[in-house]
Amino acid sequence: MNLEQFAIKAGVEIFDCGGGCGGRIGYKEKDHPNCSVCGFRTKDAAYKEWLATTFGKTVSREIAKLIKSSNVKLTGSL
């Protein structure tokens, strides 16, 4: 799993918001469909900002580590 897949499962939707806010990419959440955040240049930047604003900087770093470690293949027996 990666950050994009996690965000999509959490209900984040990326959309084109035009170029007036500094970037063409924005996001909104399924739980808050009437609110959106615009001004990102990449989808990755939008997902990272969503993670940080939703969970806080410290927790979002740990979530990112968990997501990254979920891709590691375990070898041997546990």
PDB file of N, CA and C in Angstrom:
ATOM      1  N   MET A   1       0.852  -1.169   0.000  1.00  0.00           N
ATOM      2  CA  MET A   1       0.000   0.000   0.000  1.00  0.00           C
ATOM      3  C   MET A   1       0.901   1.237   0.000  1.00  0.00           C
ATOM      4  N   ASN A   2       0.447   2.269  -0.634  1.00  0.00           N
ATOM      5  CA  ASN A   2       1.171   3.538  -0.615  1.00  0.00           C
ATOM      6  C   ASN A   2       0.236   4.631  -0.088  1.00  0.00           C
ATOM      7  N   LEU A   3       0.761   5.840   0.039  1.00  0.00           N
ATOM      8  CA  LEU A   3      -0.023   6.941   0.601  1.00  0.00           C
ATOM      9  C   LEU A   3      -1.273   7.224  -0.228  1.00  0.00           C
ATOM     10  N   GLU A   4      -1.148   7.187  -1.539  1.00  0.00           N
ATOM     11  CA  GLU A   4      -2.302   7.439  -2.402  1.00  0.00           C
ATOM     12  C   GLU A   4      -3.406   6.410  -2.157  1.00  0.00           C
ATOM     13  N   GLN A   5      -3.046   5.141  -2.094  1.00  0.00           N
ATOM     14  CA  GLN A   5      -4.038   4.095  -1.850  1.00  0.00           C
ATOM     15  C   GLN A   5      -4.692   4.261  -0.478  1.00  0.00           C
ATOM     16  N   PHE A   6      -3.896   4.609   0.524  1.00  0.00           N
ATOM     17  CA  PHE A   6      -4.419   4.843   1.871  1.00  0.00           C
ATOM     18  C   PHE A   6      -5.416   5.996   1.865  1.00  0.00           C
ATOM     19  N   ALA A   7      -5.048   7.091   1.218  1.00  0.00           N
ATOM     20  CA  ALA A   7      -5.914   8.270   1.180  1.00  0.00           C
ATOM     21  C   ALA A   7      -7.219   7.971   0.446  1.00  0.00           C
ATOM     22  N   ILE A   8      -7.136   7.253  -0.647  1.00  0.00           N
ATOM     23  CA  ILE A   8      -8.345   6.907  -1.404  1.00  0.00           C
ATOM     24  C   ILE A   8      -9.272   6.049  -0.545  1.00  0.00           C
ATOM     25  N   LYS A   9      -8.699   5.072   0.165  1.00  0.00           N
ATOM     26  CA  LYS A   9      -9.521   4.235   1.053  1.00  0.00           C
ATOM     27  C   LYS A   9     -10.142   5.063   2.173  1.00  0.00           C
ATOM     28  N   ALA A  10      -9.458   6.137   2.574  1.00  0.00           N
ATOM     29  CA  ALA A  10      -9.961   7.010   3.635  1.00  0.00           C
ATOM     30  C   ALA A  10     -10.980   8.025   3.120  1.00  0.00           C
ATOM     31  N   GLY A  11     -11.215   8.050   1.803  1.00  0.00           N
ATOM     32  CA  GLY A  11     -12.236   8.922   1.248  1.00  0.00           C
ATOM     33  C   GLY A  11     -11.742  10.231   0.671  1.00  0.00           C
ATOM     34  N   VAL A  12     -10.452  10.326   0.351  1.00  0.00           N
ATOM     35  CA  VAL A  12      -9.904  11.545  -0.237  1.00  0.00           C
ATOM     36  C   VAL A  12     -10.051  11.479  -1.756  1.00  0.00           C
ATOM     37  N   GLU A  13     -10.518  12.566  -2.326  1.00  0.00           N
ATOM     38  CA  GLU A  13     -10.686  12.670  -3.778  1.00  0.00           C
ATOM     39  C   GLU A  13      -9.834  13.821  -4.294  1.00  0.00           C
ATOM     40  N   ILE A  14      -9.022  13.546  -5.304  1.00  0.00           N
ATOM     41  CA  ILE A  14      -8.196  14.558  -5.948  1.00  0.00           C
ATOM     42  C   ILE A  14      -8.957  15.101  -7.147  1.00  0.00           C
ATOM     43  N   PHE A  15      -8.872  16.414  -7.386  1.00  0.00           N
ATOM     44  CA  PHE A  15      -9.555  17.008  -8.532  1.00  0.00           C
ATOM     45  C   PHE A  15      -8.757  18.194  -9.058  1.00  0.00           C
ATOM     46  N   ASP A  16      -9.092  18.613 -10.258  1.00  0.00           N
ATOM     47  CA  ASP A  16      -8.460  19.774 -10.895  1.00  0.00           C
ATOM     48  C   ASP A  16      -9.220  21.017 -10.455  1.00  0.00           C
ATOM     49  N   CYS A  17      -8.521  21.924  -9.769  1.00  0.00           N
ATOM     50  CA  CYS A  17      -9.191  23.118  -9.262  1.00  0.00           C
ATOM     51  C   CYS A  17      -8.798  24.380 -10.029  1.00  0.00           C
ATOM     52  N   GLY A  18      -8.163  24.228 -11.178  1.00  0.00           N
ATOM     53  CA  GLY A  18      -7.733  25.396 -11.936  1.00  0.00           C
ATOM     54  C   GLY A  18      -6.373  25.860 -11.446  1.00  0.00           C
ATOM     55  N   GLY A  19      -5.890  26.924 -11.981  1.00  0.00           N
ATOM     56  CA  GLY A  19      -4.545  27.368 -11.632  1.00  0.00           C
ATOM     57  C   GLY A  19      -4.479  28.602 -10.765  1.00  0.00           C
ATOM     58  N   GLY A  20      -5.573  29.101 -10.277  1.00  0.00           N
ATOM     59  CA  GLY A  20      -5.581  30.361  -9.552  1.00  0.00           C
ATOM     60  C   GLY A  20      -5.024  30.324  -8.148  1.00  0.00           C
ATOM     61  N   CYS A  21      -4.824  29.160  -7.589  1.00  0.00           N
ATOM     62  CA  CYS A  21      -4.390  29.049  -6.187  1.00  0.00           C
ATOM     63  C   CYS A  21      -2.925  28.655  -6.045  1.00  0.00           C
ATOM     64  N   GLY A  22      -2.162  28.718  -7.110  1.00  0.00           N
ATOM     65  CA  GLY A  22      -0.761  28.332  -7.041  1.00  0.00           C
ATOM     66  C   GLY A  22      -0.483  26.955  -7.604  1.00  0.00           C
ATOM     67  N   GLY A  23      -1.502  26.166  -7.758  1.00  0.00           N
ATOM     68  CA  GLY A  23      -1.381  24.824  -8.321  1.00  0.00           C
ATOM     69  C   GLY A  23      -2.743  24.343  -8.778  1.00  0.00           C
ATOM     70  N   ARG A  24      -2.768  23.420  -9.694  1.00  0.00           N
ATOM     71  CA  ARG A  24      -4.022  22.972 -10.300  1.00  0.00           C
ATOM     72  C   ARG A  24      -4.712  21.847  -9.534  1.00  0.00           C
ATOM     73  N   ILE A  25      -4.058  21.275  -8.556  1.00  0.00           N
ATOM     74  CA  ILE A  25      -4.597  20.089  -7.897  1.00  0.00           C
ATOM     75  C   ILE A  25      -5.165  20.450  -6.531  1.00  0.00           C
ATOM     76  N   GLY A  26      -6.317  19.856  -6.235  1.00  0.00           N
ATOM     77  CA  GLY A  26      -6.949  20.037  -4.943  1.00  0.00           C
ATOM     78  C   GLY A  26      -7.462  18.716  -4.424  1.00  0.00           C
ATOM     79  N   TYR A  27      -7.873  18.710  -3.176  1.00  0.00           N
ATOM     80  CA  TYR A  27      -8.479  17.500  -2.619  1.00  0.00           C
ATOM     81  C   TYR A  27      -9.688  17.853  -1.772  1.00  0.00           C
ATOM     82  N   LYS A  28     -10.562  16.881  -1.632  1.00  0.00           N
ATOM     83  CA  LYS A  28     -11.680  16.981  -0.702  1.00  0.00           C
ATOM     84  C   LYS A  28     -11.912  15.604  -0.119  1.00  0.00           C
ATOM     85  N   GLU A  29     -12.600  15.570   1.009  1.00  0.00           N
ATOM     86  CA  GLU A  29     -12.847  14.326   1.712  1.00  0.00           C
ATOM     87  C   GLU A  29     -14.299  13.917   1.578  1.00  0.00           C
ATOM     88  N   LYS A  30     -14.533  12.625   1.544  1.00  0.00           N
ATOM     89  CA  LYS A  30     -15.886  12.100   1.439  1.00  0.00           C
ATOM     90  C   LYS A  30     -16.734  12.543   2.635  1.00  0.00           C
ATOM     91  N   ASP A  31     -16.111  12.645   3.806  1.00  0.00           N
ATOM     92  CA  ASP A  31     -16.839  13.056   5.011  1.00  0.00           C
ATOM     93  C   ASP A  31     -17.203  14.538   5.004  1.00  0.00           C
ATOM     94  N   HIS A  32     -16.497  15.338   4.198  1.00  0.00           N
ATOM     95  CA  HIS A  32     -16.733  16.778   4.124  1.00  0.00           C
ATOM     96  C   HIS A  32     -16.786  17.206   2.651  1.00  0.00           C
ATOM     97  N   PRO A  33     -17.830  16.811   1.928  1.00  0.00           N
ATOM     98  CA  PRO A  33     -17.860  17.038   0.477  1.00  0.00           C
ATOM     99  C   PRO A  33     -17.963  18.507   0.058  1.00  0.00           C
ATOM    100  N   ASN A  34     -18.362  19.385   0.946  1.00  0.00           N
ATOM    101  CA  ASN A  34     -18.508  20.792   0.586  1.00  0.00           C
ATOM    102  C   ASN A  34     -17.267  21.626   0.900  1.00  0.00           C
ATOM    103  N   CYS A  35     -16.217  20.986   1.385  1.00  0.00           N
ATOM    104  CA  CYS A  35     -14.955  21.669   1.689  1.00  0.00           C
ATOM    105  C   CYS A  35     -13.859  21.097   0.800  1.00  0.00           C
ATOM    106  N   SER A  36     -12.996  21.961   0.326  1.00  0.00           N
ATOM    107  CA  SER A  36     -11.876  21.490  -0.485  1.00  0.00           C
ATOM    108  C   SER A  36     -10.643  22.339  -0.193  1.00  0.00           C
ATOM    109  N   VAL A  37      -9.486  21.766  -0.494  1.00  0.00           N
ATOM    110  CA  VAL A  37      -8.212  22.448  -0.319  1.00  0.00           C
ATOM    111  C   VAL A  37      -7.517  22.425  -1.669  1.00  0.00           C
ATOM    112  N   CYS A  38      -7.164  23.592  -2.186  1.00  0.00           N
ATOM    113  CA  CYS A  38      -6.565  23.688  -3.522  1.00  0.00           C
ATOM    114  C   CYS A  38      -5.170  24.301  -3.442  1.00  0.00           C
ATOM    115  N   GLY A  39      -4.464  24.237  -4.563  1.00  0.00           N
ATOM    116  CA  GLY A  39      -3.190  24.918  -4.683  1.00  0.00           C
ATOM    117  C   GLY A  39      -1.969  24.023  -4.708  1.00  0.00           C
ATOM    118  N   PHE A  40      -2.128  22.754  -4.982  1.00  0.00           N
ATOM    119  CA  PHE A  40      -0.995  21.842  -5.004  1.00  0.00           C
ATOM    120  C   PHE A  40      -0.534  21.614  -6.439  1.00  0.00           C
ATOM    121  N   ARG A  41       0.759  21.395  -6.582  1.00  0.00           N
ATOM    122  CA  ARG A  41       1.315  21.158  -7.918  1.00  0.00           C
ATOM    123  C   ARG A  41       1.335  19.684  -8.277  1.00  0.00           C
ATOM    124  N   THR A  42       1.332  18.810  -7.260  1.00  0.00           N
ATOM    125  CA  THR A  42       1.327  17.369  -7.513  1.00  0.00           C
ATOM    126  C   THR A  42       0.293  16.685  -6.627  1.00  0.00           C
ATOM    127  N   LYS A  43      -0.148  15.517  -7.065  1.00  0.00           N
ATOM    128  CA  LYS A  43      -1.067  14.728  -6.247  1.00  0.00           C
ATOM    129  C   LYS A  43      -0.382  14.311  -4.949  1.00  0.00           C
ATOM    130  N   ASP A  44       0.891  13.956  -5.039  1.00  0.00           N
ATOM    131  CA  ASP A  44       1.627  13.525  -3.862  1.00  0.00           C
ATOM    132  C   ASP A  44       1.658  14.625  -2.798  1.00  0.00           C
ATOM    133  N   ALA A  45       1.865  15.861  -3.213  1.00  0.00           N
ATOM    134  CA  ALA A  45       1.875  16.985  -2.278  1.00  0.00           C
ATOM    135  C   ALA A  45       0.507  17.151  -1.611  1.00  0.00           C
ATOM    136  N   ALA A  46      -0.554  16.960  -2.375  1.00  0.00           N
ATOM    137  CA  ALA A  46      -1.911  17.065  -1.824  1.00  0.00           C
ATOM    138  C   ALA A  46      -2.161  15.959  -0.804  1.00  0.00           C
ATOM    139  N   TYR A  47      -1.758  14.739  -1.127  1.00  0.00           N
ATOM    140  CA  TYR A  47      -1.950  13.627  -0.194  1.00  0.00           C
ATOM    141  C   TYR A  47      -1.136  13.839   1.089  1.00  0.00           C
ATOM    142  N   LYS A  48       0.090  14.322   0.966  1.00  0.00           N
ATOM    143  CA  LYS A  48       0.925  14.564   2.144  1.00  0.00           C
ATOM    144  C   LYS A  48       0.325  15.647   3.030  1.00  0.00           C
ATOM    145  N   GLU A  49      -0.205  16.702   2.415  1.00  0.00           N
ATOM    146  CA  GLU A  49      -0.839  17.770   3.196  1.00  0.00           C
ATOM    147  C   GLU A  49      -2.102  17.265   3.883  1.00  0.00           C
ATOM    148  N   TRP A  50      -2.892  16.453   3.174  1.00  0.00           N
ATOM    149  CA  TRP A  50      -4.090  15.868   3.787  1.00  0.00           C
ATOM    150  C   TRP A  50      -3.699  15.057   5.015  1.00  0.00           C
ATOM    151  N   LEU A  51      -2.673  14.220   4.883  1.00  0.00           N
ATOM    152  CA  LEU A  51      -2.236  13.378   5.990  1.00  0.00           C
ATOM    153  C   LEU A  51      -1.806  14.235   7.180  1.00  0.00           C
ATOM    154  N   ALA A  52      -0.996  15.268   6.926  1.00  0.00           N
ATOM    155  CA  ALA A  52      -0.482  16.124   8.004  1.00  0.00           C
ATOM    156  C   ALA A  52      -1.591  16.925   8.672  1.00  0.00           C
ATOM    157  N   THR A  53      -2.532  17.445   7.892  1.00  0.00           N
ATOM    158  CA  THR A  53      -3.597  18.252   8.500  1.00  0.00           C
ATOM    159  C   THR A  53      -4.640  17.390   9.190  1.00  0.00           C
ATOM    160  N   THR A  54      -4.790  16.159   8.756  1.00  0.00           N
ATOM    161  CA  THR A  54      -5.768  15.269   9.380  1.00  0.00           C
ATOM    162  C   THR A  54      -5.247  14.690  10.686  1.00  0.00           C
ATOM    163  N   PHE A  55      -3.992  14.264  10.697  1.00  0.00           N
ATOM    164  CA  PHE A  55      -3.455  13.546  11.848  1.00  0.00           C
ATOM    165  C   PHE A  55      -2.396  14.310  12.633  1.00  0.00           C
ATOM    166  N   GLY A  56      -1.925  15.431  12.118  1.00  0.00           N
ATOM    167  CA  GLY A  56      -0.839  16.158  12.766  1.00  0.00           C
ATOM    168  C   GLY A  56       0.500  15.665  12.233  1.00  0.00           C
ATOM    169  N   LYS A  57       1.530  16.499  12.384  1.00  0.00           N
ATOM    170  CA  LYS A  57       2.831  16.187  11.786  1.00  0.00           C
ATOM    171  C   LYS A  57       3.469  14.935  12.379  1.00  0.00           C
ATOM    172  N   THR A  58       3.443  14.806  13.693  1.00  0.00           N
ATOM    173  CA  THR A  58       4.109  13.679  14.340  1.00  0.00           C
ATOM    174  C   THR A  58       3.430  12.364  13.988  1.00  0.00           C
ATOM    175  N   VAL A  59       2.125  12.312  14.127  1.00  0.00           N
ATOM    176  CA  VAL A  59       1.392  11.085  13.827  1.00  0.00           C
ATOM    177  C   VAL A  59       1.471  10.761  12.335  1.00  0.00           C
ATOM    178  N   SER A  60       1.410  11.777  11.483  1.00  0.00           N
ATOM    179  CA  SER A  60       1.461  11.517  10.044  1.00  0.00           C
ATOM    180  C   SER A  60       2.808  10.912   9.635  1.00  0.00           C
ATOM    181  N   ARG A  61       3.895  11.314  10.291  1.00  0.00           N
ATOM    182  CA  ARG A  61       5.203  10.693  10.011  1.00  0.00           C
ATOM    183  C   ARG A  61       5.179   9.212  10.364  1.00  0.00           C
ATOM    184  N   GLU A  62       4.564   8.870  11.473  1.00  0.00           N
ATOM    185  CA  GLU A  62       4.487   7.468  11.890  1.00  0.00           C
ATOM    186  C   GLU A  62       3.578   6.667  10.967  1.00  0.00           C
ATOM    187  N   ILE A  63       2.483   7.270  10.541  1.00  0.00           N
ATOM    188  CA  ILE A  63       1.595   6.591   9.585  1.00  0.00           C
ATOM    189  C   ILE A  63       2.333   6.338   8.280  1.00  0.00           C
ATOM    190  N   ALA A  64       3.095   7.319   7.817  1.00  0.00           N
ATOM    191  CA  ALA A  64       3.873   7.147   6.590  1.00  0.00           C
ATOM    192  C   ALA A  64       4.864   5.999   6.740  1.00  0.00           C
ATOM    193  N   LYS A  65       5.497   5.877   7.913  1.00  0.00           N
ATOM    194  CA  LYS A  65       6.415   4.764   8.158  1.00  0.00           C
ATOM    195  C   LYS A  65       5.679   3.430   8.123  1.00  0.00           C
ATOM    196  N   LEU A  66       4.495   3.379   8.725  1.00  0.00           N
ATOM    197  CA  LEU A  66       3.708   2.149   8.715  1.00  0.00           C
ATOM    198  C   LEU A  66       3.305   1.756   7.295  1.00  0.00           C
ATOM    199  N   ILE A  67       2.879   2.744   6.523  1.00  0.00           N
ATOM    200  CA  ILE A  67       2.500   2.475   5.133  1.00  0.00           C
ATOM    201  C   ILE A  67       3.703   1.941   4.362  1.00  0.00           C
ATOM    202  N   LYS A  68       4.842   2.579   4.543  1.00  0.00           N
ATOM    203  CA  LYS A  68       6.058   2.150   3.846  1.00  0.00           C
ATOM    204  C   LYS A  68       6.453   0.741   4.271  1.00  0.00           C
ATOM    205  N   SER A  69       6.374   0.444   5.560  1.00  0.00           N
ATOM    206  CA  SER A  69       6.769  -0.876   6.042  1.00  0.00           C
ATOM    207  C   SER A  69       5.770  -1.959   5.627  1.00  0.00           C
ATOM    208  N   SER A  70       4.552  -1.589   5.283  1.00  0.00           N
ATOM    209  CA  SER A  70       3.571  -2.577   4.836  1.00  0.00           C
ATOM    210  C   SER A  70       3.945  -3.173   3.497  1.00  0.00           C
ATOM    211  N   ASN A  71       4.865  -2.538   2.773  1.00  0.00           N
ATOM    212  CA  ASN A  71       5.310  -3.031   1.472  1.00  0.00           C
ATOM    213  C   ASN A  71       6.505  -3.962   1.578  1.00  0.00           C
ATOM    214  N   VAL A  72       7.087  -4.099   2.764  1.00  0.00           N
ATOM    215  CA  VAL A  72       8.260  -4.934   2.952  1.00  0.00           C
ATOM    216  C   VAL A  72       7.823  -6.399   2.974  1.00  0.00           C
ATOM    217  N   LYS A  73       8.510  -7.213   2.214  1.00  0.00           N
ATOM    218  CA  LYS A  73       8.220  -8.644   2.182  1.00  0.00           C
ATOM    219  C   LYS A  73       8.954  -9.314   3.340  1.00  0.00           C
ATOM    220  N   LEU A  74       8.224 -10.051   4.148  1.00  0.00           N
ATOM    221  CA  LEU A  74       8.841 -10.762   5.261  1.00  0.00           C
ATOM    222  C   LEU A  74       9.389 -12.084   4.768  1.00  0.00           C
ATOM    223  N   THR A  75      10.565 -12.437   5.221  1.00  0.00           N
ATOM    224  CA  THR A  75      11.143 -13.739   4.886  1.00  0.00           C
ATOM    225  C   THR A  75      11.410 -14.500   6.158  1.00  0.00           C
ATOM    226  N   GLY A  76      11.378 -15.793   6.092  1.00  0.00           N
ATOM    227  CA  GLY A  76      11.603 -16.618   7.272  1.00  0.00           C
ATOM    228  C   GLY A  76      10.320 -16.818   8.050  1.00  0.00           C
ATOM    229  N   SER A  77      10.426 -17.485   9.172  1.00  0.00           N
ATOM    230  CA  SER A  77       9.238 -17.745   9.974  1.00  0.00           C
ATOM    231  C   SER A  77       9.149 -16.740  11.111  1.00  0.00           C
ATOM    232  N   LEU A  78       7.957 -16.524  11.555  1.00  0.00           N
ATOM    233  CA  LEU A  78       7.744 -15.594  12.670  1.00  0.00           C
ATOM    234  C   LEU A  78       7.471 -16.342  13.939  1.00  0.00           C
TER     235      LEU A  78
END
